[in-house]
Protein backbone atom coordinates (compact mmCIF):
# COMPACT_ATOMS: atom_id res chain seq x y z
CA MET A 1 111.04 103.70 106.24
CA GLU A 2 109.39 106.46 103.82
CA ALA A 3 106.31 104.11 103.52
CA THR A 4 105.64 103.71 107.23
CA HIS A 5 107.31 106.55 109.06
CA HIS A 6 105.30 109.53 107.93
CA PHE A 7 106.19 111.48 111.02
CA LEU A 8 109.45 111.89 109.94
CA SER A 9 111.00 114.90 108.33
CA ALA A 10 113.25 114.61 105.16
CA ASP A 11 115.98 115.71 107.43
CA ASP A 12 115.54 113.02 110.03
CA ILE A 13 115.23 110.34 107.35
CA ASP A 14 118.67 111.93 105.93
CA ALA A 15 120.03 111.90 109.26
CA ILE A 16 119.18 108.16 109.88
CA GLU A 17 120.48 107.08 106.49
CA ARG A 18 124.07 108.34 107.12
CA GLU A 19 124.28 106.55 110.33
CA LEU A 20 122.88 103.15 108.54
CA ILE A 21 126.35 101.52 107.39
CA PRO A 22 128.57 103.33 110.13
CA THR A 23 126.40 102.87 112.98
CA TYR A 24 123.08 101.11 112.55
CA PHE A 25 124.29 98.06 110.84
CA PRO A 26 127.29 96.95 112.30
CA ALA A 27 125.56 96.79 115.54
CA VAL A 28 122.81 94.37 114.90
CA ALA A 29 122.90 90.90 113.36
CA ILE A 30 120.98 91.26 110.34
CA THR A 31 118.78 88.58 108.63
CA VAL A 32 117.69 88.99 104.95
CA ALA A 33 114.23 87.99 103.27
CA GLU A 34 114.51 87.45 99.62
CA GLY A 35 111.88 87.05 97.11
CA ALA A 36 112.05 86.07 93.46
CA HIS A 37 113.47 89.41 92.23
CA GLY A 38 116.15 90.22 95.33
CA VAL A 39 115.79 91.51 98.82
CA VAL A 40 112.23 92.04 100.03
CA GLY A 41 113.01 92.86 103.72
CA PHE A 42 115.34 92.39 106.67
CA SER A 43 115.52 92.78 110.41
CA GLY A 44 118.28 93.44 112.79
CA VAL A 45 118.61 92.03 116.38
CA ALA A 46 121.18 93.08 119.22
CA ASP A 47 121.09 91.81 122.82
CA GLY A 48 117.86 90.01 122.60
CA ARG A 49 115.99 93.33 121.07
CA LEU A 50 114.67 93.87 117.58
CA GLU A 51 116.21 97.15 116.63
CA MET A 52 114.80 97.11 112.78
CA LEU A 53 112.49 95.42 110.74
CA PHE A 54 111.68 96.74 107.19
CA VAL A 55 109.98 95.14 104.39
CA ASP A 56 109.92 96.66 100.90
CA ALA A 57 106.86 98.59 99.91
CA ALA A 58 106.16 96.27 97.07
CA ALA A 59 106.16 93.34 99.28
CA ARG A 60 104.18 94.53 102.12
CA ALA A 61 100.97 92.42 103.45
CA GLY A 62 102.80 89.18 101.83
CA GLY A 63 103.83 87.50 105.01
CA VAL A 64 107.72 88.89 104.76
CA GLY A 65 107.38 90.96 108.03
CA SER A 66 105.80 88.21 109.81
CA THR A 67 108.54 85.27 108.88
CA LEU A 68 111.36 87.82 109.69
CA LEU A 69 109.84 88.58 113.09
CA HIS A 70 109.00 84.86 113.60
CA ALA A 71 112.74 84.20 113.02
CA ALA A 72 113.69 86.60 115.44
CA ILE A 73 111.47 85.19 117.91
CA GLU A 74 112.72 81.61 117.36
CA ALA A 75 116.28 83.17 117.87
CA HIS A 76 115.22 85.16 121.11
CA PRO A 77 112.30 83.84 122.63
CA ASP A 78 112.10 87.00 124.97
CA LEU A 79 112.64 89.08 122.17
CA GLU A 80 111.76 92.86 122.96
CA LEU A 81 111.38 95.72 120.99
CA ASP A 82 110.12 99.46 120.50
CA VAL A 83 107.57 101.11 118.49
CA ASN A 84 106.96 104.59 117.45
CA GLU A 85 103.76 105.78 118.78
CA GLN A 86 103.01 107.28 115.40
CA ASN A 87 103.01 104.13 113.75
CA PRO A 88 99.58 102.46 114.93
CA ALA A 89 99.98 100.06 112.00
CA ALA A 90 103.15 98.71 113.39
CA LEU A 91 101.73 98.54 116.68
CA ALA A 92 98.91 96.69 115.62
CA PHE A 93 101.15 94.14 113.60
CA TYR A 94 103.45 93.36 116.75
CA ARG A 95 100.12 92.72 118.89
CA ARG A 96 98.91 90.30 116.48
CA HIS A 97 102.25 88.42 117.13
CA GLY A 98 102.16 88.09 120.93
CA PHE A 99 103.43 91.69 122.12
CA GLU A 100 102.24 93.97 124.73
CA VAL A 101 103.15 97.44 125.44
CA ILE A 102 104.95 97.59 129.07
CA GLY A 103 106.48 101.09 129.02
CA ARG A 104 106.85 104.60 127.18
CA SER A 105 109.38 106.97 126.51
CA ALA A 106 108.38 110.49 125.34
CA THR A 107 111.51 110.77 122.81
CA ASP A 108 113.09 108.13 120.53
CA GLN A 109 116.66 107.17 121.10
CA ASP A 110 118.24 110.35 119.63
CA GLY A 111 116.23 112.56 121.76
CA ARG A 112 113.66 113.43 119.06
CA PRO A 113 109.83 114.23 119.93
CA PHE A 114 108.81 110.90 118.70
CA PRO A 115 107.57 109.02 121.78
CA LEU A 116 108.44 105.17 122.00
CA LEU A 117 106.49 102.37 123.16
CA HIS A 118 108.35 99.45 124.62
CA LEU A 119 107.00 96.01 123.95
CA ALA A 120 107.63 92.57 124.96
CA ARG A 121 106.48 89.20 124.69
CA ARG A 122 102.85 88.25 126.56
CA PRO A 123 103.89 85.89 129.41
CA ALA A 124 101.33 83.57 128.12
CA GLU A 125 101.48 82.45 124.40
CA ALA A 126 98.49 83.12 122.20
CA PRO A 127 96.55 79.59 121.54
CA ALA A 128 97.99 77.86 118.80
CA ILE A 129 96.51 77.56 115.57
CA THR A 130 94.88 74.56 114.56
CA VAL A 131 92.26 75.85 111.68
CA VAL A 132 93.30 77.82 108.67
CA VAL A 133 90.46 79.54 106.74
CA VAL A 134 92.01 80.54 103.15
CA MET A 135 89.89 83.27 102.23
CA GLY A 136 89.48 85.86 99.34
CA VAL A 137 87.31 86.18 96.01
CA ALA A 138 86.89 83.88 93.27
CA GLY A 139 90.23 83.48 91.25
CA ALA A 140 92.40 84.06 94.05
CA GLY A 141 93.32 80.38 94.40
CA LYS A 142 91.97 79.17 97.68
CA SER A 143 91.41 75.80 96.59
CA THR A 144 94.86 75.53 95.08
CA ILE A 145 96.83 76.99 97.98
CA GLY A 146 94.38 75.32 100.61
CA THR A 147 95.22 71.91 99.37
CA ALA A 148 98.87 72.32 99.08
CA LEU A 149 98.91 74.24 102.31
CA ALA A 150 96.86 71.10 104.04
CA ALA A 151 99.54 68.86 102.30
CA ALA A 152 102.64 70.61 103.66
CA LEU A 153 101.33 70.79 107.09
CA GLU A 154 99.63 67.12 107.01
CA TRP A 155 96.20 68.75 108.33
CA ASP A 156 92.73 67.85 107.11
CA PHE A 157 91.47 69.90 104.06
CA GLN A 158 87.87 70.78 103.46
CA GLU A 159 86.88 72.72 100.29
CA GLY A 160 84.22 75.28 101.36
CA ASP A 161 82.26 75.40 98.18
CA GLU A 162 81.19 71.93 98.81
CA LEU A 163 79.27 73.02 101.73
CA HIS A 164 77.24 75.61 99.91
CA PRO A 165 73.52 74.64 99.80
CA ALA A 166 72.32 73.53 96.29
CA ALA A 167 70.32 76.79 95.72
CA ASN A 168 73.32 78.81 96.58
CA ILE A 169 75.30 76.82 93.61
CA ALA A 170 72.20 77.22 91.27
CA LYS A 171 72.02 81.09 91.96
CA MET A 172 75.62 81.80 91.23
CA ALA A 173 76.02 79.25 88.14
CA ALA A 174 72.91 81.40 86.96
CA GLY A 175 75.14 84.71 87.39
CA HIS A 176 73.31 85.93 90.30
CA PRO A 177 75.47 87.14 93.38
CA LEU A 178 74.54 85.63 96.87
CA ASP A 179 73.53 87.97 99.69
CA ASP A 180 73.81 87.80 103.35
CA VAL A 181 70.49 85.54 103.51
CA ASP A 182 72.02 83.06 101.04
CA ARG A 183 75.39 83.00 102.91
CA GLU A 184 73.98 82.25 106.44
CA PRO A 185 73.31 78.40 106.05
CA TRP A 186 76.71 78.16 104.29
CA LEU A 187 78.71 79.85 107.01
CA ALA A 188 76.70 78.10 109.76
CA ARG A 189 77.89 74.65 107.96
CA ILE A 190 81.08 76.03 107.84
CA ALA A 191 81.15 77.20 111.65
CA THR A 192 80.06 73.66 112.53
CA TRP A 193 82.73 72.05 110.33
CA ILE A 194 85.43 74.21 112.44
CA ALA A 195 83.86 73.29 115.64
CA ASP A 196 83.78 69.92 114.99
CA HIS A 197 87.51 69.98 114.16
CA ARG A 198 88.46 72.02 117.35
CA GLU A 199 86.43 69.87 119.75
CA ASN A 200 88.30 66.53 118.31
CA HIS A 201 91.52 68.53 118.47
CA THR A 202 92.16 67.92 114.69
CA ARG A 203 94.02 70.22 112.84
CA ALA A 204 92.58 71.21 109.38
CA VAL A 205 92.47 74.02 106.58
CA ILE A 206 89.33 74.82 105.01
CA THR A 207 88.71 77.55 102.03
CA CYS A 208 85.84 80.27 102.21
CA SER A 209 85.58 83.45 100.68
CA ALA A 210 84.67 85.23 103.93
CA LEU A 211 84.52 88.40 102.31
CA LYS A 212 83.02 90.39 105.24
CA ALA A 213 84.29 91.04 108.77
CA SER A 214 80.70 89.94 110.12
CA TYR A 215 80.99 86.51 107.95
CA ARG A 216 84.72 86.09 109.79
CA ARG A 217 83.03 86.58 113.15
CA ARG A 218 80.74 83.70 112.77
CA LEU A 219 83.85 81.51 111.91
CA ALA A 220 86.28 82.87 114.18
CA ALA A 221 87.45 80.94 117.41
CA GLU A 222 90.41 80.27 119.72
CA GLY A 223 92.99 78.62 117.31
CA VAL A 224 91.39 79.96 113.99
CA ALA A 225 93.40 82.03 111.69
CA PHE A 226 92.49 83.62 108.23
CA VAL A 227 94.90 83.88 105.28
CA HIS A 228 93.78 86.49 102.93
CA LEU A 229 95.13 85.49 99.34
CA ALA A 230 95.01 88.94 97.70
CA ALA A 231 95.44 89.38 93.88
CA ASP A 232 94.99 92.66 91.25
CA PRO A 233 91.68 92.31 89.24
CA ALA A 234 93.54 91.58 85.97
CA THR A 235 95.06 88.29 87.58
CA LEU A 236 91.86 87.35 89.08
CA ASP A 237 89.94 87.87 85.78
CA ALA A 238 92.48 85.56 83.60
CA ARG A 239 92.50 82.87 86.33
CA LEU A 240 88.38 83.03 86.02
CA ALA A 241 88.63 83.00 82.05
CA ARG A 242 90.96 79.73 82.18
CA ARG A 243 89.13 77.95 84.75
CA SER A 244 86.14 75.32 83.79
CA GLY A 245 83.80 73.42 85.23
CA HIS A 246 82.96 75.19 88.27
CA PHE A 247 79.44 76.83 89.16
CA PHE A 248 80.77 80.44 89.75
CA ALA A 249 80.20 82.81 86.82
CA PRO A 250 83.19 85.09 85.98
CA ALA A 251 80.80 87.93 85.97
CA LEU A 252 80.17 87.83 89.39
CA LEU A 253 83.88 88.57 90.37
CA ASP A 254 83.08 92.56 90.49
CA SER A 255 80.40 91.98 93.22
CA GLN A 256 82.78 89.98 95.34
CA LEU A 257 85.50 92.75 94.94
CA ALA A 258 82.91 94.97 96.01
CA THR A 259 81.80 93.24 98.84
CA LEU A 260 85.34 92.16 100.21
CA GLU A 261 86.26 93.75 103.71
CA PRO A 262 90.10 92.94 103.89
CA LEU A 263 91.14 91.79 107.52
CA GLY A 264 91.56 94.00 110.40
CA ALA A 265 94.05 94.80 112.98
CA ASP A 266 92.03 93.12 115.40
CA GLU A 267 91.23 89.79 113.48
CA VAL A 268 94.02 86.98 113.73
CA GLY A 269 95.28 86.31 110.22
CA ILE A 270 97.42 87.21 107.52
CA THR A 271 97.36 88.65 104.05
CA VAL A 272 99.28 86.90 101.18
CA ALA A 273 100.09 87.97 97.85
CA ALA A 274 98.74 85.32 95.75
CA GLU A 275 100.76 85.84 92.46
CA GLY A 276 103.77 83.82 93.58
CA SER A 277 104.21 80.19 92.73
CA VAL A 278 102.05 77.75 94.98
CA GLU A 279 105.23 76.79 96.74
CA GLN A 280 106.15 80.37 97.66
CA VAL A 281 102.75 81.15 98.74
CA VAL A 282 102.39 78.50 101.07
CA ALA A 283 105.81 78.94 102.38
CA GLU A 284 104.64 82.30 103.23
CA ILE A 285 101.89 81.34 105.20
CA ILE A 286 103.69 78.63 106.97
CA GLY A 287 106.07 81.40 108.17
CA GLY A 288 103.74 84.20 108.54
CA LEU A 289 101.55 82.15 110.99
CA GLY A 290 104.24 80.31 112.61
CA LEU A 291 103.33 77.07 111.83
CA ALA A 292 105.31 73.74 111.20
CA ARG A 293 105.58 71.50 108.28
CA GLY A 294 104.42 68.00 108.49
CA PRO A 295 107.29 65.34 108.52
CA ARG A 296 108.94 65.01 105.16
CA PRO A 297 108.75 61.41 103.47
CA ALA A 298 111.21 59.09 103.91
CA GLN A 299 113.88 58.81 101.06
CA SER A 300 113.94 55.37 99.51
């Protein structure tokens, strides 16, 4: 709460903490999200209303909140909730997941001067996701995660680097970063690939660094979602040092990190920490985007 509710005073937080066990927790059905090292988040629902959803600060931007929210929606399709007006990040999060503001109260439930925005699901569902663009800088694991995600969903897969013009590959292999002019024909090829799959109603996963918001706008369309694989520079350096047989020169990582623009609140997609196992990252993506795995193979 302290990480997201900056408008609350220490006394406000202390008062809420005192009521958690005797009053708030007994009133809701709690769902707990666990990570490799314990609890990373929880939600509480009562009478079809999401009364609480919190994610550990260290696990934020990893798809935990989206997974908890989708579980609540699955159990309560007409889910409603309130968001403090002073918490724009939370409002943007819920809007991305199909909620809209239907009302406002001048105070919170306890009469404090913290206005509440009342949210409900939109009557019309957002377009189903049919193409996932796995994005991020070199070394984030786009190829590995993209391949595994496509396999889990049983969707088509395309390695975006294979669509680079030969001149781009030669330039990167020589240690020179691409500029916007270099990337334009590559992005055009990826946009065409996405359009073809959308027109043929074929669900698919494609990798693309998609570092700038302007690049992503070239690829964005109804049913397209982005998954930003995020990792710290030390992890990226170590992965690139181990990689062989790829045209990307590790020295170019700094230029990519400098160019990277994280997903904005108005973009369709999620950010997922890329340090976990392949299975963990894929599960977070599937849960965060509300997708369904392909049928499991029959056991012999």
